[in-house]
Structures are given as C-alpha cells and as structure tokens.
C-alpha cells in the first residue's frame, strides 16, 4: 500500500513518494537556472531530475484539496516574474 502525506483536515493528500521527489525537481530547476535556462519543458526537467516525464507531470499535478485545479502546463519558468538575470 502506498503512503500519503495527510492534510491538515486529516484527509490523504500527496503520496509520500511524490513528496520525496519534489526536492529533486527543485534542485534540477536551480541547476538549469544557473546554466541560464529561463523555461523548461517537462521532458527537459524530467531528464535533469532523472525521472520519466509522465511521472514528473503526475507529481507536479498532485493536489491536496478536493476540487482544486491540477497543473496542466508542461512548461515551467526557472525564474520568478520580475527577477533579473
């Protein structure tokens, strides 16, 4: 049985394996940003993180609130809006 992180209201939320992969994705985004990459596709981010792109998209679309909207974009920015460099 897969484990999930519980939400504040006691409901099952994001799977624990997904939570464990999130720092890997963040490190990959930082590394890409340091190389000057401004935007990255799910395929590029997955390759940088060493995972399958479908798994990455599923992980990043995970949500904890019932009825919340899932992430549908497959392109992410490595810099926050208004940042320089």
PDB file of N, CA and C in Angstrom:
ATOM      1  N   UNK A   1       0.850  -1.181   0.000  1.00  0.00           N
ATOM      2  CA  UNK A   1       0.000   0.000   0.000  1.00  0.00           C
ATOM      3  C   UNK A   1       0.891   1.239   0.000  1.00  0.00           C
ATOM      4  N   UNK A   2       0.557   2.212  -0.836  1.00  0.00           N
ATOM      5  CA  UNK A   2       1.344   3.441  -0.873  1.00  0.00           C
ATOM      6  C   UNK A   2       0.892   4.371   0.246  1.00  0.00           C
ATOM      7  N   UNK A   3       1.854   5.092   0.776  1.00  0.00           N
ATOM      8  CA  UNK A   3       1.566   6.035   1.857  1.00  0.00           C
ATOM      9  C   UNK A   3       1.406   7.423   1.271  1.00  0.00           C
ATOM     10  N   UNK A   4       0.597   8.247   1.944  1.00  0.00           N
ATOM     11  CA  UNK A   4       0.446   9.629   1.512  1.00  0.00           C
ATOM     12  C   UNK A   4       0.557  10.537   2.722  1.00  0.00           C
ATOM     13  N   UNK A   5       0.929  11.775   2.437  1.00  0.00           N
ATOM     14  CA  UNK A   5       1.038  12.793   3.477  1.00  0.00           C
ATOM     15  C   UNK A   5      -0.372  13.267   3.796  1.00  0.00           C
ATOM     16  N   UNK A   6      -0.690  13.338   5.084  1.00  0.00           N
ATOM     17  CA  UNK A   6      -2.027  13.759   5.497  1.00  0.00           C
ATOM     18  C   UNK A   6      -2.147  15.282   5.449  1.00  0.00           C
ATOM     19  N   UNK A   7      -3.322  15.744   5.071  1.00  0.00           N
ATOM     20  CA  UNK A   7      -3.591  17.180   5.071  1.00  0.00           C
ATOM     21  C   UNK A   7      -3.980  17.610   6.478  1.00  0.00           C
ATOM     22  N   UNK A   8      -4.100  18.912   6.687  1.00  0.00           N
ATOM     23  CA  UNK A   8      -4.465  19.439   7.999  1.00  0.00           C
ATOM     24  C   UNK A   8      -5.812  18.919   8.474  1.00  0.00           C
ATOM     25  N   UNK A   9      -6.732  18.650   7.544  1.00  0.00           N
ATOM     26  CA  UNK A   9      -8.059  18.173   7.938  1.00  0.00           C
ATOM     27  C   UNK A   9      -8.120  16.651   8.020  1.00  0.00           C
ATOM     28  N   UNK A  10      -6.954  15.975   7.996  1.00  0.00           N
ATOM     29  CA  UNK A  10      -6.897  14.542   8.190  1.00  0.00           C
ATOM     30  C   UNK A  10      -7.158  13.699   6.959  1.00  0.00           C
ATOM     31  N   UNK A  11      -7.302  14.327   5.803  1.00  0.00           N
ATOM     32  CA  UNK A  11      -7.533  13.571   4.577  1.00  0.00           C
ATOM     33  C   UNK A  11      -6.194  13.189   3.954  1.00  0.00           C
ATOM     34  N   UNK A  12      -6.210  12.113   3.165  1.00  0.00           N
ATOM     35  CA  UNK A  12      -4.994  11.713   2.465  1.00  0.00           C
ATOM     36  C   UNK A  12      -4.682  12.751   1.397  1.00  0.00           C
ATOM     37  N   UNK A  13      -3.427  13.089   1.288  1.00  0.00           N
ATOM     38  CA  UNK A  13      -3.021  14.118   0.341  1.00  0.00           C
ATOM     39  C   UNK A  13      -2.055  13.574  -0.683  1.00  0.00           C
ATOM     40  N   UNK A  14      -0.940  14.228  -0.823  1.00  0.00           N
ATOM     41  CA  UNK A  14       0.061  13.891  -1.823  1.00  0.00           C
ATOM     42  C   UNK A  14       0.801  12.627  -1.397  1.00  0.00           C
ATOM     43  N   UNK A  15       0.982  11.670  -2.319  1.00  0.00           N
ATOM     44  CA  UNK A  15       1.721  10.452  -1.982  1.00  0.00           C
ATOM     45  C   UNK A  15       3.125  10.765  -1.469  1.00  0.00           C
ATOM     46  N   UNK A  16       3.569  10.006  -0.473  1.00  0.00           N
ATOM     47  CA  UNK A  16       4.864  10.228   0.139  1.00  0.00           C
ATOM     48  C   UNK A  16       6.001  10.162  -0.879  1.00  0.00           C
ATOM     49  N   UNK A  17       5.914   9.250  -1.832  1.00  0.00           N
ATOM     50  CA  UNK A  17       6.961   9.144  -2.855  1.00  0.00           C
ATOM     51  C   UNK A  17       7.051  10.424  -3.679  1.00  0.00           C
ATOM     52  N   UNK A  18       5.900  11.030  -3.958  1.00  0.00           N
ATOM     53  CA  UNK A  18       5.880  12.298  -4.690  1.00  0.00           C
ATOM     54  C   UNK A  18       6.548  13.388  -3.869  1.00  0.00           C
ATOM     55  N   UNK A  19       6.198  13.483  -2.600  1.00  0.00           N
ATOM     56  CA  UNK A  19       6.795  14.487  -1.707  1.00  0.00           C
ATOM     57  C   UNK A  19       8.309  14.310  -1.665  1.00  0.00           C
ATOM     58  N   UNK A  20       8.769  13.073  -1.644  1.00  0.00           N
ATOM     59  CA  UNK A  20      10.205  12.798  -1.595  1.00  0.00           C
ATOM     60  C   UNK A  20      10.923  13.212  -2.878  1.00  0.00           C
ATOM     61  N   UNK A  21      10.210  13.231  -4.004  1.00  0.00           N
ATOM     62  CA  UNK A  21      10.835  13.636  -5.277  1.00  0.00           C
ATOM     63  C   UNK A  21      10.840  15.144  -5.490  1.00  0.00           C
ATOM     64  N   UNK A  22      10.004  15.890  -4.784  1.00  0.00           N
ATOM     65  CA  UNK A  22       9.911  17.340  -5.017  1.00  0.00           C
ATOM     66  C   UNK A  22      11.242  18.066  -4.831  1.00  0.00           C
ATOM     67  N   UNK A  23      12.040  17.764  -3.805  1.00  0.00           N
ATOM     68  CA  UNK A  23      13.342  18.441  -3.693  1.00  0.00           C
ATOM     69  C   UNK A  23      14.272  18.133  -4.863  1.00  0.00           C
ATOM     70  N   UNK A  24      14.137  16.949  -5.452  1.00  0.00           N
ATOM     71  CA  UNK A  24      14.946  16.589  -6.624  1.00  0.00           C
ATOM     72  C   UNK A  24      14.588  17.509  -7.785  1.00  0.00           C
ATOM     73  N   UNK A  25      13.288  17.742  -7.976  1.00  0.00           N
ATOM     74  CA  UNK A  25      12.838  18.636  -9.043  1.00  0.00           C
ATOM     75  C   UNK A  25      13.327  20.061  -8.793  1.00  0.00           C
ATOM     76  N   UNK A  26      13.260  20.489  -7.553  1.00  0.00           N
ATOM     77  CA  UNK A  26      13.711  21.846  -7.224  1.00  0.00           C
ATOM     78  C   UNK A  26      15.202  22.008  -7.485  1.00  0.00           C
ATOM     79  N   UNK A  27      15.997  21.023  -7.078  1.00  0.00           N
ATOM     80  CA  UNK A  27      17.444  21.086  -7.348  1.00  0.00           C
ATOM     81  C   UNK A  27      17.710  21.123  -8.846  1.00  0.00           C
ATOM     82  N   UNK A  28      16.961  20.341  -9.613  1.00  0.00           N
ATOM     83  CA  UNK A  28      17.130  20.340 -11.063  1.00  0.00           C
ATOM     84  C   UNK A  28      16.786  21.711 -11.641  1.00  0.00           C
ATOM     85  N   UNK A  29      15.716  22.335 -11.145  1.00  0.00           N
ATOM     86  CA  UNK A  29      15.351  23.681 -11.614  1.00  0.00           C
ATOM     87  C   UNK A  29      16.434  24.697 -11.283  1.00  0.00           C
ATOM     88  N   UNK A  30      16.984  24.627 -10.071  1.00  0.00           N
ATOM     89  CA  UNK A  30      18.074  25.538  -9.703  1.00  0.00           C
ATOM     90  C   UNK A  30      19.277  25.342 -10.614  1.00  0.00           C
ATOM     91  N   UNK A  31      19.623  24.095 -10.892  1.00  0.00           N
ATOM     92  CA  UNK A  31      20.776  23.815 -11.756  1.00  0.00           C
ATOM     93  C   UNK A  31      20.537  24.359 -13.159  1.00  0.00           C
ATOM     94  N   UNK A  32      19.332  24.176 -13.676  1.00  0.00           N
ATOM     95  CA  UNK A  32      19.008  24.703 -15.003  1.00  0.00           C
ATOM     96  C   UNK A  32      19.067  26.228 -15.009  1.00  0.00           C
ATOM     97  N   UNK A  33      18.548  26.862 -13.963  1.00  0.00           N
ATOM     98  CA  UNK A  33      18.574  28.322 -13.868  1.00  0.00           C
ATOM     99  C   UNK A  33      20.008  28.838 -13.828  1.00  0.00           C
ATOM    100  N   UNK A  34      20.874  28.133 -13.101  1.00  0.00           N
ATOM    101  CA  UNK A  34      22.281  28.545 -13.030  1.00  0.00           C
ATOM    102  C   UNK A  34      22.960  28.466 -14.395  1.00  0.00           C
ATOM    103  N   UNK A  35      22.461  27.588 -15.250  1.00  0.00           N
ATOM    104  CA  UNK A  35      23.005  27.480 -16.611  1.00  0.00           C
ATOM    105  C   UNK A  35      22.357  28.479 -17.561  1.00  0.00           C
ATOM    106  N   UNK A  36      21.468  29.314 -17.042  1.00  0.00           N
ATOM    107  CA  UNK A  36      20.851  30.348 -17.866  1.00  0.00           C
ATOM    108  C   UNK A  36      19.576  29.919 -18.568  1.00  0.00           C
ATOM    109  N   UNK A  37      19.039  28.752 -18.220  1.00  0.00           N
ATOM    110  CA  UNK A  37      17.796  28.280 -18.828  1.00  0.00           C
ATOM    111  C   UNK A  37      16.633  29.032 -18.189  1.00  0.00           C
ATOM    112  N   UNK A  38      15.832  29.713 -19.012  1.00  0.00           N
ATOM    113  CA  UNK A  38      14.731  30.522 -18.488  1.00  0.00           C
ATOM    114  C   UNK A  38      13.430  29.735 -18.385  1.00  0.00           C
ATOM    115  N   UNK A  39      13.173  28.839 -19.320  1.00  0.00           N
ATOM    116  CA  UNK A  39      11.988  27.990 -19.285  1.00  0.00           C
ATOM    117  C   UNK A  39      12.407  26.569 -19.602  1.00  0.00           C
ATOM    118  N   UNK A  40      11.615  25.625 -19.123  1.00  0.00           N
ATOM    119  CA  UNK A  40      11.965  24.226 -19.308  1.00  0.00           C
ATOM    120  C   UNK A  40      10.689  23.417 -19.498  1.00  0.00           C
ATOM    121  N   UNK A  41      10.736  22.459 -20.406  1.00  0.00           N
ATOM    122  CA  UNK A  41       9.589  21.575 -20.619  1.00  0.00           C
ATOM    123  C   UNK A  41       9.632  20.450 -19.605  1.00  0.00           C
ATOM    124  N   UNK A  42       8.528  19.727 -19.495  1.00  0.00           N
ATOM    125  CA  UNK A  42       8.505  18.601 -18.567  1.00  0.00           C
ATOM    126  C   UNK A  42       9.530  17.548 -18.965  1.00  0.00           C
ATOM    127  N   UNK A  43       9.743  17.366 -20.260  1.00  0.00           N
ATOM    128  CA  UNK A  43      10.732  16.393 -20.717  1.00  0.00           C
ATOM    129  C   UNK A  43      12.144  16.806 -20.301  1.00  0.00           C
ATOM    130  N   UNK A  44      12.455  18.093 -20.431  1.00  0.00           N
ATOM    131  CA  UNK A  44      13.781  18.588 -20.046  1.00  0.00           C
ATOM    132  C   UNK A  44      13.989  18.518 -18.534  1.00  0.00           C
ATOM    133  N   UNK A  45      12.971  18.906 -17.775  1.00  0.00           N
ATOM    134  CA  UNK A  45      13.082  18.857 -16.325  1.00  0.00           C
ATOM    135  C   UNK A  45      13.190  17.412 -15.848  1.00  0.00           C
ATOM    136  N   UNK A  46      12.421  16.533 -16.442  1.00  0.00           N
ATOM    137  CA  UNK A  46      12.483  15.119 -16.070  1.00  0.00           C
ATOM    138  C   UNK A  46      13.870  14.549 -16.336  1.00  0.00           C
ATOM    139  N   UNK A  47      14.445  14.881 -17.476  1.00  0.00           N
ATOM    140  CA  UNK A  47      15.789  14.402 -17.802  1.00  0.00           C
ATOM    141  C   UNK A  47      16.804  14.929 -16.792  1.00  0.00           C
ATOM    142  N   UNK A  48      16.675  16.190 -16.436  1.00  0.00           N
ATOM    143  CA  UNK A  48      17.602  16.791 -15.471  1.00  0.00           C
ATOM    144  C   UNK A  48      17.447  16.161 -14.082  1.00  0.00           C
ATOM    145  N   UNK A  49      16.225  15.733 -13.756  1.00  0.00           N
ATOM    146  CA  UNK A  49      15.957  15.139 -12.447  1.00  0.00           C
ATOM    147  C   UNK A  49      16.142  13.625 -12.449  1.00  0.00           C
ATOM    148  N   UNK A  50      16.283  13.031 -13.640  1.00  0.00           N
ATOM    149  CA  UNK A  50      16.485  11.592 -13.732  1.00  0.00           C
ATOM    150  C   UNK A  50      15.222  10.774 -13.538  1.00  0.00           C
ATOM    151  N   UNK A  51      14.078  11.335 -13.955  1.00  0.00           N
ATOM    152  CA  UNK A  51      12.815  10.601 -13.853  1.00  0.00           C
ATOM    153  C   UNK A  51      12.101  10.619 -15.203  1.00  0.00           C
ATOM    154  N   UNK A  52      11.073   9.822 -15.322  1.00  0.00           N
ATOM    155  CA  UNK A  52      10.224   9.779 -16.507  1.00  0.00           C
ATOM    156  C   UNK A  52       9.370  11.045 -16.555  1.00  0.00           C
ATOM    157  N   UNK A  53       9.182  11.625 -17.734  1.00  0.00           N
ATOM    158  CA  UNK A  53       8.431  12.877 -17.829  1.00  0.00           C
ATOM    159  C   UNK A  53       6.971  12.711 -17.413  1.00  0.00           C
ATOM    160  N   UNK A  54       6.379  11.550 -17.657  1.00  0.00           N
ATOM    161  CA  UNK A  54       4.993  11.325 -17.236  1.00  0.00           C
ATOM    162  C   UNK A  54       4.899  11.323 -15.708  1.00  0.00           C
ATOM    163  N   UNK A  55       5.879  10.731 -15.043  1.00  0.00           N
ATOM    164  CA  UNK A  55       5.898  10.712 -13.572  1.00  0.00           C
ATOM    165  C   UNK A  55       6.049  12.134 -13.041  1.00  0.00           C
ATOM    166  N   UNK A  56       6.934  12.920 -13.666  1.00  0.00           N
ATOM    167  CA  UNK A  56       7.129  14.301 -13.239  1.00  0.00           C
ATOM    168  C   UNK A  56       5.826  15.089 -13.364  1.00  0.00           C
ATOM    169  N   UNK A  57       5.141  14.953 -14.505  1.00  0.00           N
ATOM    170  CA  UNK A  57       3.881  15.682 -14.688  1.00  0.00           C
ATOM    171  C   UNK A  57       2.842  15.246 -13.661  1.00  0.00           C
ATOM    172  N   UNK A  58       2.773  13.943 -13.383  1.00  0.00           N
ATOM    173  CA  UNK A  58       1.829  13.444 -12.386  1.00  0.00           C
ATOM    174  C   UNK A  58       2.179  14.001 -11.001  1.00  0.00           C
ATOM    175  N   UNK A  59       3.469  13.976 -10.670  1.00  0.00           N
ATOM    176  CA  UNK A  59       3.901  14.510  -9.381  1.00  0.00           C
ATOM    177  C   UNK A  59       3.543  15.980  -9.235  1.00  0.00           C
ATOM    178  N   UNK A  60       3.802  16.759 -10.268  1.00  0.00           N
ATOM    179  CA  UNK A  60       3.576  18.202 -10.166  1.00  0.00           C
ATOM    180  C   UNK A  60       2.097  18.574 -10.290  1.00  0.00           C
ATOM    181  N   UNK A  61       1.268  17.618 -10.688  1.00  0.00           N
ATOM    182  CA  UNK A  61      -0.169  17.898 -10.742  1.00  0.00           C
ATOM    183  C   UNK A  61      -0.868  17.427  -9.474  1.00  0.00           C
ATOM    184  N   UNK A  62      -0.126  16.811  -8.557  1.00  0.00           N
ATOM    185  CA  UNK A  62      -0.723  16.337  -7.303  1.00  0.00           C
ATOM    186  C   UNK A  62      -1.305  17.517  -6.547  1.00  0.00           C
ATOM    187  N   UNK A  63      -2.429  17.284  -5.906  1.00  0.00           N
ATOM    188  CA  UNK A  63      -3.076  18.349  -5.144  1.00  0.00           C
ATOM    189  C   UNK A  63      -3.616  17.761  -3.858  1.00  0.00           C
ATOM    190  N   UNK A  64      -3.785  18.603  -2.865  1.00  0.00           N
ATOM    191  CA  UNK A  64      -4.246  18.125  -1.570  1.00  0.00           C
ATOM    192  C   UNK A  64      -5.683  18.525  -1.277  1.00  0.00           C
ATOM    193  N   UNK A  65      -6.198  19.523  -1.913  1.00  0.00           N
ATOM    194  CA  UNK A  65      -7.545  19.996  -1.635  1.00  0.00           C
ATOM    195  C   UNK A  65      -8.532  19.423  -2.638  1.00  0.00           C
ATOM    196  N   UNK A  66      -9.611  18.795  -2.170  1.00  0.00           N
ATOM    197  CA  UNK A  66     -10.622  18.287  -3.100  1.00  0.00           C
ATOM    198  C   UNK A  66     -11.184  19.421  -3.940  1.00  0.00           C
ATOM    199  N   UNK A  67     -11.319  19.175  -5.224  1.00  0.00           N
ATOM    200  CA  UNK A  67     -11.875  20.175  -6.120  1.00  0.00           C
ATOM    201  C   UNK A  67     -10.885  21.209  -6.597  1.00  0.00           C
ATOM    202  N   UNK A  68      -9.645  21.128  -6.125  1.00  0.00           N
ATOM    203  CA  UNK A  68      -8.624  22.071  -6.577  1.00  0.00           C
ATOM    204  C   UNK A  68      -8.252  21.792  -8.017  1.00  0.00           C
ATOM    205  N   UNK A  69      -7.687  22.761  -8.682  1.00  0.00           N
ATOM    206  CA  UNK A  69      -7.331  22.555 -10.086  1.00  0.00           C
ATOM    207  C   UNK A  69      -5.941  21.940 -10.175  1.00  0.00           C
ATOM    208  N   UNK A  70      -5.776  21.007 -11.074  1.00  0.00           N
ATOM    209  CA  UNK A  70      -4.485  20.374 -11.301  1.00  0.00           C
ATOM    210  C   UNK A  70      -3.666  21.225 -12.256  1.00  0.00           C
ATOM    211  N   UNK A  71      -2.366  21.123 -12.137  1.00  0.00           N
ATOM    212  CA  UNK A  71      -1.479  21.843 -13.041  1.00  0.00           C
ATOM    213  C   UNK A  71      -1.580  21.190 -14.425  1.00  0.00           C
ATOM    214  N   UNK A  72      -1.823  21.977 -15.447  1.00  0.00           N
ATOM    215  CA  UNK A  72      -1.947  21.418 -16.780  1.00  0.00           C
ATOM    216  C   UNK A  72      -0.813  21.855 -17.692  1.00  0.00           C
ATOM    217  N   UNK A  73      -0.077  22.865 -17.310  1.00  0.00           N
ATOM    218  CA  UNK A  73       1.025  23.345 -18.138  1.00  0.00           C
ATOM    219  C   UNK A  73       2.172  22.353 -18.112  1.00  0.00           C
ATOM    220  N   UNK A  74       2.867  22.228 -19.230  1.00  0.00           N
ATOM    221  CA  UNK A  74       4.042  21.362 -19.261  1.00  0.00           C
ATOM    222  C   UNK A  74       5.313  22.170 -19.465  1.00  0.00           C
ATOM    223  N   UNK A  75       5.247  23.486 -19.247  1.00  0.00           N
ATOM    224  CA  UNK A  75       6.419  24.346 -19.323  1.00  0.00           C
ATOM    225  C   UNK A  75       6.491  25.184 -18.067  1.00  0.00           C
ATOM    226  N   UNK A  76       7.679  25.252 -17.442  1.00  0.00           N
ATOM    227  CA  UNK A  76       7.847  25.997 -16.213  1.00  0.00           C
ATOM    228  C   UNK A  76       8.959  27.002 -16.397  1.00  0.00           C
ATOM    229  N   UNK A  77       8.852  28.108 -15.688  1.00  0.00           N
ATOM    230  CA  UNK A  77       9.906  29.113 -15.684  1.00  0.00           C
ATOM    231  C   UNK A  77      10.875  28.815 -14.553  1.00  0.00           C
ATOM    232  N   UNK A  78      12.144  29.036 -14.788  1.00  0.00           N
ATOM    233  CA  UNK A  78      13.133  28.799 -13.751  1.00  0.00           C
ATOM    234  C   UNK A  78      13.411  30.058 -12.942  1.00  0.00           C
ATOM    235  N   UNK A  79      12.820  31.182 -13.335  1.00  0.00           N
ATOM    236  CA  UNK A  79      12.995  32.439 -12.598  1.00  0.00           C
ATOM    237  C   UNK A  79      11.629  32.991 -12.256  1.00  0.00           C
ATOM    238  N   UNK A  80      11.549  33.652 -11.122  1.00  0.00           N
ATOM    239  CA  UNK A  80      10.286  34.271 -10.743  1.00  0.00           C
ATOM    240  C   UNK A  80      10.052  35.513 -11.586  1.00  0.00           C
ATOM    241  N   UNK A  81       8.778  35.882 -11.808  1.00  0.00           N
ATOM    242  CA  UNK A  81       8.497  37.086 -12.601  1.00  0.00           C
ATOM    243  C   UNK A  81       9.184  38.301 -11.996  1.00  0.00           C
ATOM    244  N   UNK A  82       9.769  39.093 -12.835  1.00  0.00           N
ATOM    245  CA  UNK A  82      10.416  40.315 -12.399  1.00  0.00           C
ATOM    246  C   UNK A  82      11.843  40.141 -11.917  1.00  0.00           C
ATOM    247  N   UNK A  83      12.332  38.893 -11.870  1.00  0.00           N
ATOM    248  CA  UNK A  83      13.718  38.696 -11.429  1.00  0.00           C
ATOM    249  C   UNK A  83      14.652  39.037 -12.571  1.00  0.00           C
ATOM    250  N   UNK A  84      15.816  39.467 -12.235  1.00  0.00           N
ATOM    251  CA  UNK A  84      16.780  39.825 -13.263  1.00  0.00           C
ATOM    252  C   UNK A  84      17.780  38.698 -13.417  1.00  0.00           C
ATOM    253  N   UNK A  85      18.439  38.673 -14.594  1.00  0.00           N
ATOM    254  CA  UNK A  85      19.493  37.700 -14.802  1.00  0.00           C
ATOM    255  C   UNK A  85      19.085  36.624 -15.638  1.00  0.00           C
TER     256      UNK A  85
END
